[in-house]
Amino acid sequence: SLKIVIKKLNLMGDSVGVIGLFGMGGIGKTTLVREVYNQFAMEKRFEEQSFLKDVRSIPDPLDLQKQL
């Protein structure tokens, strides 16, 4: 849930971290990540941020890097 993910991220403090999110299509992974992103953006937790949606449709990592 959104509260659990945000709690885990808050426990990381200022360190760099990664949380993996996986599951079957259509269960709300993108929705959950978008909500976390929006929450952190609203709180101005980072100087800069970006959100890359549907990364599997872009097979070339260089194209992803260009989007950033």
PDB file of N, CA and C in Angstrom:
ATOM      1  N   SER A   1       0.833  -1.183   0.000  1.00  0.00           N
ATOM      2  CA  SER A   1       0.000   0.000   0.000  1.00  0.00           C
ATOM      3  C   SER A   1       0.881   1.251   0.000  1.00  0.00           C
ATOM      4  N   LEU A   2       0.279   2.366  -0.295  1.00  0.00           N
ATOM      5  CA  LEU A   2       0.996   3.642  -0.369  1.00  0.00           C
ATOM      6  C   LEU A   2       1.678   3.969   0.949  1.00  0.00           C
ATOM      7  N   LYS A   3       0.994   3.776   2.050  1.00  0.00           N
ATOM      8  CA  LYS A   3       1.563   4.091   3.367  1.00  0.00           C
ATOM      9  C   LYS A   3       2.795   3.244   3.661  1.00  0.00           C
ATOM     10  N   ILE A   4       2.765   1.976   3.296  1.00  0.00           N
ATOM     11  CA  ILE A   4       3.903   1.089   3.553  1.00  0.00           C
ATOM     12  C   ILE A   4       5.111   1.519   2.734  1.00  0.00           C
ATOM     13  N   VAL A   5       4.909   1.811   1.463  1.00  0.00           N
ATOM     14  CA  VAL A   5       6.025   2.221   0.597  1.00  0.00           C
ATOM     15  C   VAL A   5       6.628   3.523   1.103  1.00  0.00           C
ATOM     16  N   ILE A   6       5.812   4.492   1.435  1.00  0.00           N
ATOM     17  CA  ILE A   6       6.322   5.779   1.925  1.00  0.00           C
ATOM     18  C   ILE A   6       7.055   5.589   3.250  1.00  0.00           C
ATOM     19  N   LYS A   7       6.544   4.725   4.118  1.00  0.00           N
ATOM     20  CA  LYS A   7       7.224   4.456   5.385  1.00  0.00           C
ATOM     21  C   LYS A   7       8.613   3.864   5.139  1.00  0.00           C
ATOM     22  N   LYS A   8       8.715   2.903   4.221  1.00  0.00           N
ATOM     23  CA  LYS A   8      10.011   2.300   3.886  1.00  0.00           C
ATOM     24  C   LYS A   8      10.967   3.350   3.323  1.00  0.00           C
ATOM     25  N   LEU A   9      10.470   4.206   2.461  1.00  0.00           N
ATOM     26  CA  LEU A   9      11.318   5.250   1.880  1.00  0.00           C
ATOM     27  C   LEU A   9      11.769   6.242   2.946  1.00  0.00           C
ATOM     28  N   ASN A  10      10.892   6.576   3.865  1.00  0.00           N
ATOM     29  CA  ASN A  10      11.259   7.491   4.946  1.00  0.00           C
ATOM     30  C   ASN A  10      12.329   6.891   5.853  1.00  0.00           C
ATOM     31  N   LEU A  11      12.303   5.566   6.027  1.00  0.00           N
ATOM     32  CA  LEU A  11      13.312   4.903   6.854  1.00  0.00           C
ATOM     33  C   LEU A  11      14.709   5.001   6.238  1.00  0.00           C
ATOM     34  N   MET A  12      14.769   5.191   4.929  1.00  0.00           N
ATOM     35  CA  MET A  12      16.060   5.309   4.245  1.00  0.00           C
ATOM     36  C   MET A  12      16.755   6.634   4.553  1.00  0.00           C
ATOM     37  N   GLY A  13      16.009   7.597   5.032  1.00  0.00           N
ATOM     38  CA  GLY A  13      16.595   8.899   5.331  1.00  0.00           C
ATOM     39  C   GLY A  13      17.111   9.570   4.070  1.00  0.00           C
ATOM     40  N   ASP A  14      18.321  10.102   4.160  1.00  0.00           N
ATOM     41  CA  ASP A  14      18.907  10.816   3.029  1.00  0.00           C
ATOM     42  C   ASP A  14      19.755   9.921   2.139  1.00  0.00           C
ATOM     43  N   SER A  15      19.844   8.650   2.465  1.00  0.00           N
ATOM     44  CA  SER A  15      20.661   7.754   1.658  1.00  0.00           C
ATOM     45  C   SER A  15      19.945   7.402   0.350  1.00  0.00           C
ATOM     46  N   VAL A  16      20.740   6.958  -0.606  1.00  0.00           N
ATOM     47  CA  VAL A  16      20.184   6.528  -1.885  1.00  0.00           C
ATOM     48  C   VAL A  16      19.684   5.103  -1.719  1.00  0.00           C
ATOM     49  N   GLY A  17      18.510   4.823  -2.244  1.00  0.00           N
ATOM     50  CA  GLY A  17      17.962   3.486  -2.107  1.00  0.00           C
ATOM     51  C   GLY A  17      17.096   3.108  -3.284  1.00  0.00           C
ATOM     52  N   VAL A  18      16.764   1.852  -3.351  1.00  0.00           N
ATOM     53  CA  VAL A  18      15.921   1.334  -4.421  1.00  0.00           C
ATOM     54  C   VAL A  18      14.885   0.410  -3.805  1.00  0.00           C
ATOM     55  N   ILE A  19      13.664   0.540  -4.271  1.00  0.00           N
ATOM     56  CA  ILE A  19      12.613  -0.401  -3.889  1.00  0.00           C
ATOM     57  C   ILE A  19      12.087  -1.014  -5.177  1.00  0.00           C
ATOM     58  N   GLY A  20      12.145  -2.335  -5.247  1.00  0.00           N
ATOM     59  CA  GLY A  20      11.634  -3.035  -6.420  1.00  0.00           C
ATOM     60  C   GLY A  20      10.135  -3.245  -6.293  1.00  0.00           C
ATOM     61  N   LEU A  21       9.450  -3.079  -7.405  1.00  0.00           N
ATOM     62  CA  LEU A  21       8.003  -3.273  -7.430  1.00  0.00           C
ATOM     63  C   LEU A  21       7.680  -4.136  -8.642  1.00  0.00           C
ATOM     64  N   PHE A  22       7.075  -5.280  -8.397  1.00  0.00           N
ATOM     65  CA  PHE A  22       6.778  -6.180  -9.504  1.00  0.00           C
ATOM     66  C   PHE A  22       5.441  -6.852  -9.262  1.00  0.00           C
ATOM     67  N   GLY A  23       4.885  -7.375 -10.323  1.00  0.00           N
ATOM     68  CA  GLY A  23       3.620  -8.082 -10.214  1.00  0.00           C
ATOM     69  C   GLY A  23       2.942  -8.184 -11.562  1.00  0.00           C
ATOM     70  N   MET A  24       1.834  -8.861 -11.582  1.00  0.00           N
ATOM     71  CA  MET A  24       1.070  -9.040 -12.812  1.00  0.00           C
ATOM     72  C   MET A  24       0.569  -7.699 -13.321  1.00  0.00           C
ATOM     73  N   GLY A  25       0.353  -7.646 -14.619  1.00  0.00           N
ATOM     74  CA  GLY A  25      -0.184  -6.437 -15.228  1.00  0.00           C
ATOM     75  C   GLY A  25      -1.572  -6.118 -14.708  1.00  0.00           C
ATOM     76  N   GLY A  26      -1.833  -4.837 -14.524  1.00  0.00           N
ATOM     77  CA  GLY A  26      -3.173  -4.405 -14.150  1.00  0.00           C
ATOM     78  C   GLY A  26      -3.479  -4.404 -12.666  1.00  0.00           C
ATOM     79  N   ILE A  27      -2.466  -4.641 -11.805  1.00  0.00           N
ATOM     80  CA  ILE A  27      -2.759  -4.677 -10.372  1.00  0.00           C
ATOM     81  C   ILE A  27      -2.475  -3.343  -9.672  1.00  0.00           C
ATOM     82  N   GLY A  28      -1.993  -2.343 -10.442  1.00  0.00           N
ATOM     83  CA  GLY A  28      -1.832  -1.009  -9.871  1.00  0.00           C
ATOM     84  C   GLY A  28      -0.408  -0.591  -9.539  1.00  0.00           C
ATOM     85  N   LYS A  29       0.585  -1.247 -10.131  1.00  0.00           N
ATOM     86  CA  LYS A  29       1.983  -0.894  -9.840  1.00  0.00           C
ATOM     87  C   LYS A  29       2.276   0.549 -10.242  1.00  0.00           C
ATOM     88  N   THR A  30       1.916   0.912 -11.460  1.00  0.00           N
ATOM     89  CA  THR A  30       2.176   2.270 -11.943  1.00  0.00           C
ATOM     90  C   THR A  30       1.399   3.290 -11.126  1.00  0.00           C
ATOM     91  N   THR A  31       0.182   2.974 -10.768  1.00  0.00           N
ATOM     92  CA  THR A  31      -0.628   3.877  -9.948  1.00  0.00           C
ATOM     93  C   THR A  31       0.024   4.110  -8.596  1.00  0.00           C
ATOM     94  N   LEU A  32       0.519   3.049  -7.972  1.00  0.00           N
ATOM     95  CA  LEU A  32       1.177   3.164  -6.675  1.00  0.00           C
ATOM     96  C   LEU A  32       2.439   4.027  -6.779  1.00  0.00           C
ATOM     97  N   VAL A  33       3.258   3.754  -7.777  1.00  0.00           N
ATOM     98  CA  VAL A  33       4.497   4.513  -7.945  1.00  0.00           C
ATOM     99  C   VAL A  33       4.198   5.978  -8.248  1.00  0.00           C
ATOM    100  N   ARG A  34       3.178   6.220  -9.054  1.00  0.00           N
ATOM    101  CA  ARG A  34       2.811   7.614  -9.369  1.00  0.00           C
ATOM    102  C   ARG A  34       2.363   8.354  -8.112  1.00  0.00           C
ATOM    103  N   GLU A  35       1.629   7.688  -7.240  1.00  0.00           N
ATOM    104  CA  GLU A  35       1.181   8.309  -5.993  1.00  0.00           C
ATOM    105  C   GLU A  35       2.363   8.618  -5.065  1.00  0.00           C
ATOM    106  N   VAL A  36       3.318   7.685  -4.974  1.00  0.00           N
ATOM    107  CA  VAL A  36       4.520   7.940  -4.175  1.00  0.00           C
ATOM    108  C   VAL A  36       5.276   9.126  -4.753  1.00  0.00           C
ATOM    109  N   TYR A  37       5.447   9.136  -6.060  1.00  0.00           N
ATOM    110  CA  TYR A  37       6.138  10.234  -6.734  1.00  0.00           C
ATOM    111  C   TYR A  37       5.433  11.565  -6.456  1.00  0.00           C
ATOM    112  N   ASN A  38       4.124  11.588  -6.613  1.00  0.00           N
ATOM    113  CA  ASN A  38       3.358  12.818  -6.370  1.00  0.00           C
ATOM    114  C   ASN A  38       3.488  13.290  -4.930  1.00  0.00           C
ATOM    115  N   GLN A  39       3.445  12.350  -3.988  1.00  0.00           N
ATOM    116  CA  GLN A  39       3.574  12.688  -2.567  1.00  0.00           C
ATOM    117  C   GLN A  39       4.933  13.331  -2.300  1.00  0.00           C
ATOM    118  N   PHE A  40       5.995  12.718  -2.813  1.00  0.00           N
ATOM    119  CA  PHE A  40       7.337  13.248  -2.589  1.00  0.00           C
ATOM    120  C   PHE A  40       7.533  14.569  -3.311  1.00  0.00           C
ATOM    121  N   ALA A  41       6.966  14.717  -4.496  1.00  0.00           N
ATOM    122  CA  ALA A  41       7.072  15.979  -5.230  1.00  0.00           C
ATOM    123  C   ALA A  41       6.340  17.090  -4.487  1.00  0.00           C
ATOM    124  N   MET A  42       5.173  16.778  -3.924  1.00  0.00           N
ATOM    125  CA  MET A  42       4.384  17.754  -3.184  1.00  0.00           C
ATOM    126  C   MET A  42       5.136  18.235  -1.939  1.00  0.00           C
ATOM    127  N   GLU A  43       5.850  17.310  -1.307  1.00  0.00           N
ATOM    128  CA  GLU A  43       6.612  17.650  -0.103  1.00  0.00           C
ATOM    129  C   GLU A  43       7.956  18.289  -0.428  1.00  0.00           C
ATOM    130  N   LYS A  44       8.266  18.389  -1.739  1.00  0.00           N
ATOM    131  CA  LYS A  44       9.541  18.951  -2.204  1.00  0.00           C
ATOM    132  C   LYS A  44      10.721  18.260  -1.529  1.00  0.00           C
ATOM    133  N   ARG A  45      10.690  16.924  -1.543  1.00  0.00           N
ATOM    134  CA  ARG A  45      11.731  16.117  -0.891  1.00  0.00           C
ATOM    135  C   ARG A  45      13.041  16.121  -1.660  1.00  0.00           C
ATOM    136  N   PHE A  46      12.979  16.418  -2.966  1.00  0.00           N
ATOM    137  CA  PHE A  46      14.165  16.373  -3.798  1.00  0.00           C
ATOM    138  C   PHE A  46      14.318  17.681  -4.568  1.00  0.00           C
ATOM    139  N   GLU A  47      15.563  18.008  -4.897  1.00  0.00           N
ATOM    140  CA  GLU A  47      15.807  19.188  -5.709  1.00  0.00           C
ATOM    141  C   GLU A  47      15.251  18.986  -7.118  1.00  0.00           C
ATOM    142  N   GLU A  48      15.449  17.821  -7.666  1.00  0.00           N
ATOM    143  CA  GLU A  48      14.972  17.460  -9.003  1.00  0.00           C
ATOM    144  C   GLU A  48      14.353  16.073  -8.937  1.00  0.00           C
ATOM    145  N   GLN A  49      13.371  15.823  -9.783  1.00  0.00           N
ATOM    146  CA  GLN A  49      12.790  14.492  -9.863  1.00  0.00           C
ATOM    147  C   GLN A  49      12.230  14.251 -11.252  1.00  0.00           C
ATOM    148  N   SER A  50      12.075  12.996 -11.595  1.00  0.00           N
ATOM    149  CA  SER A  50      11.479  12.639 -12.882  1.00  0.00           C
ATOM    150  C   SER A  50      10.717  11.337 -12.715  1.00  0.00           C
ATOM    151  N   PHE A  51       9.794  11.104 -13.617  1.00  0.00           N
ATOM    152  CA  PHE A  51       8.973   9.895 -13.585  1.00  0.00           C
ATOM    153  C   PHE A  51       8.944   9.324 -14.991  1.00  0.00           C
ATOM    154  N   LEU A  52       9.471   8.131 -15.160  1.00  0.00           N
ATOM    155  CA  LEU A  52       9.452   7.453 -16.457  1.00  0.00           C
ATOM    156  C   LEU A  52       8.408   6.354 -16.399  1.00  0.00           C
ATOM    157  N   LYS A  53       7.365   6.535 -17.171  1.00  0.00           N
ATOM    158  CA  LYS A  53       6.266   5.581 -17.188  1.00  0.00           C
ATOM    159  C   LYS A  53       6.473   4.564 -18.312  1.00  0.00           C
ATOM    160  N   ASP A  54       6.124   3.329 -18.061  1.00  0.00           N
ATOM    161  CA  ASP A  54       6.117   2.274 -19.074  1.00  0.00           C
ATOM    162  C   ASP A  54       7.495   2.095 -19.710  1.00  0.00           C
ATOM    163  N   VAL A  55       8.513   1.886 -18.884  1.00  0.00           N
ATOM    164  CA  VAL A  55       9.880   1.782 -19.376  1.00  0.00           C
ATOM    165  C   VAL A  55      10.116   0.534 -20.227  1.00  0.00           C
ATOM    166  N   ARG A  56       9.321  -0.486 -20.063  1.00  0.00           N
ATOM    167  CA  ARG A  56       9.550  -1.695 -20.862  1.00  0.00           C
ATOM    168  C   ARG A  56       9.256  -1.470 -22.340  1.00  0.00           C
ATOM    169  N   SER A  57       8.478  -0.431 -22.664  1.00  0.00           N
ATOM    170  CA  SER A  57       8.187  -0.162 -24.070  1.00  0.00           C
ATOM    171  C   SER A  57       9.346   0.559 -24.762  1.00  0.00           C
ATOM    172  N   ILE A  58      10.380   0.901 -23.994  1.00  0.00           N
ATOM    173  CA  ILE A  58      11.554   1.574 -24.551  1.00  0.00           C
ATOM    174  C   ILE A  58      12.750   0.651 -24.322  1.00  0.00           C
ATOM    175  N   PRO A  59      13.071  -0.184 -25.320  1.00  0.00           N
ATOM    176  CA  PRO A  59      14.099  -1.207 -25.118  1.00  0.00           C
ATOM    177  C   PRO A  59      15.533  -0.672 -25.013  1.00  0.00           C
ATOM    178  N   ASP A  60      15.789   0.514 -25.542  1.00  0.00           N
ATOM    179  CA  ASP A  60      17.151   1.051 -25.552  1.00  0.00           C
ATOM    180  C   ASP A  60      17.379   1.937 -24.324  1.00  0.00           C
ATOM    181  N   PRO A  61      18.285   1.539 -23.423  1.00  0.00           N
ATOM    182  CA  PRO A  61      18.554   2.345 -22.226  1.00  0.00           C
ATOM    183  C   PRO A  61      18.990   3.780 -22.551  1.00  0.00           C
ATOM    184  N   LEU A  62      19.614   3.982 -23.694  1.00  0.00           N
ATOM    185  CA  LEU A  62      20.019   5.337 -24.074  1.00  0.00           C
ATOM    186  C   LEU A  62      18.807   6.231 -24.327  1.00  0.00           C
ATOM    187  N   ASP A  63      17.736   5.658 -24.866  1.00  0.00           N
ATOM    188  CA  ASP A  63      16.504   6.423 -25.069  1.00  0.00           C
ATOM    189  C   ASP A  63      15.886   6.835 -23.734  1.00  0.00           C
ATOM    190  N   LEU A  64      15.958   5.927 -22.754  1.00  0.00           N
ATOM    191  CA  LEU A  64      15.466   6.265 -21.409  1.00  0.00           C
ATOM    192  C   LEU A  64      16.301   7.407 -20.818  1.00  0.00           C
ATOM    193  N   GLN A  65      17.599   7.304 -21.002  1.00  0.00           N
ATOM    194  CA  GLN A  65      18.498   8.327 -20.487  1.00  0.00           C
ATOM    195  C   GLN A  65      18.195   9.685 -21.128  1.00  0.00           C
ATOM    196  N   LYS A  66      17.873   9.698 -22.401  1.00  0.00           N
ATOM    197  CA  LYS A  66      17.531  10.948 -23.097  1.00  0.00           C
ATOM    198  C   LYS A  66      16.264  11.570 -22.500  1.00  0.00           C
ATOM    199  N   GLN A  67      15.308  10.711 -22.144  1.00  0.00           N
ATOM    200  CA  GLN A  67      14.059  11.219 -21.557  1.00  0.00           C
ATOM    201  C   GLN A  67      14.320  11.900 -20.211  1.00  0.00           C
ATOM    202  N   LEU A  68      15.280  11.368 -19.478  1.00  0.00           N
ATOM    203  CA  LEU A  68      15.606  11.968 -18.193  1.00  0.00           C
ATOM    204  C   LEU A  68      16.200  13.333 -18.401  1.00  0.00           C
TER     205      LEU A  68
END
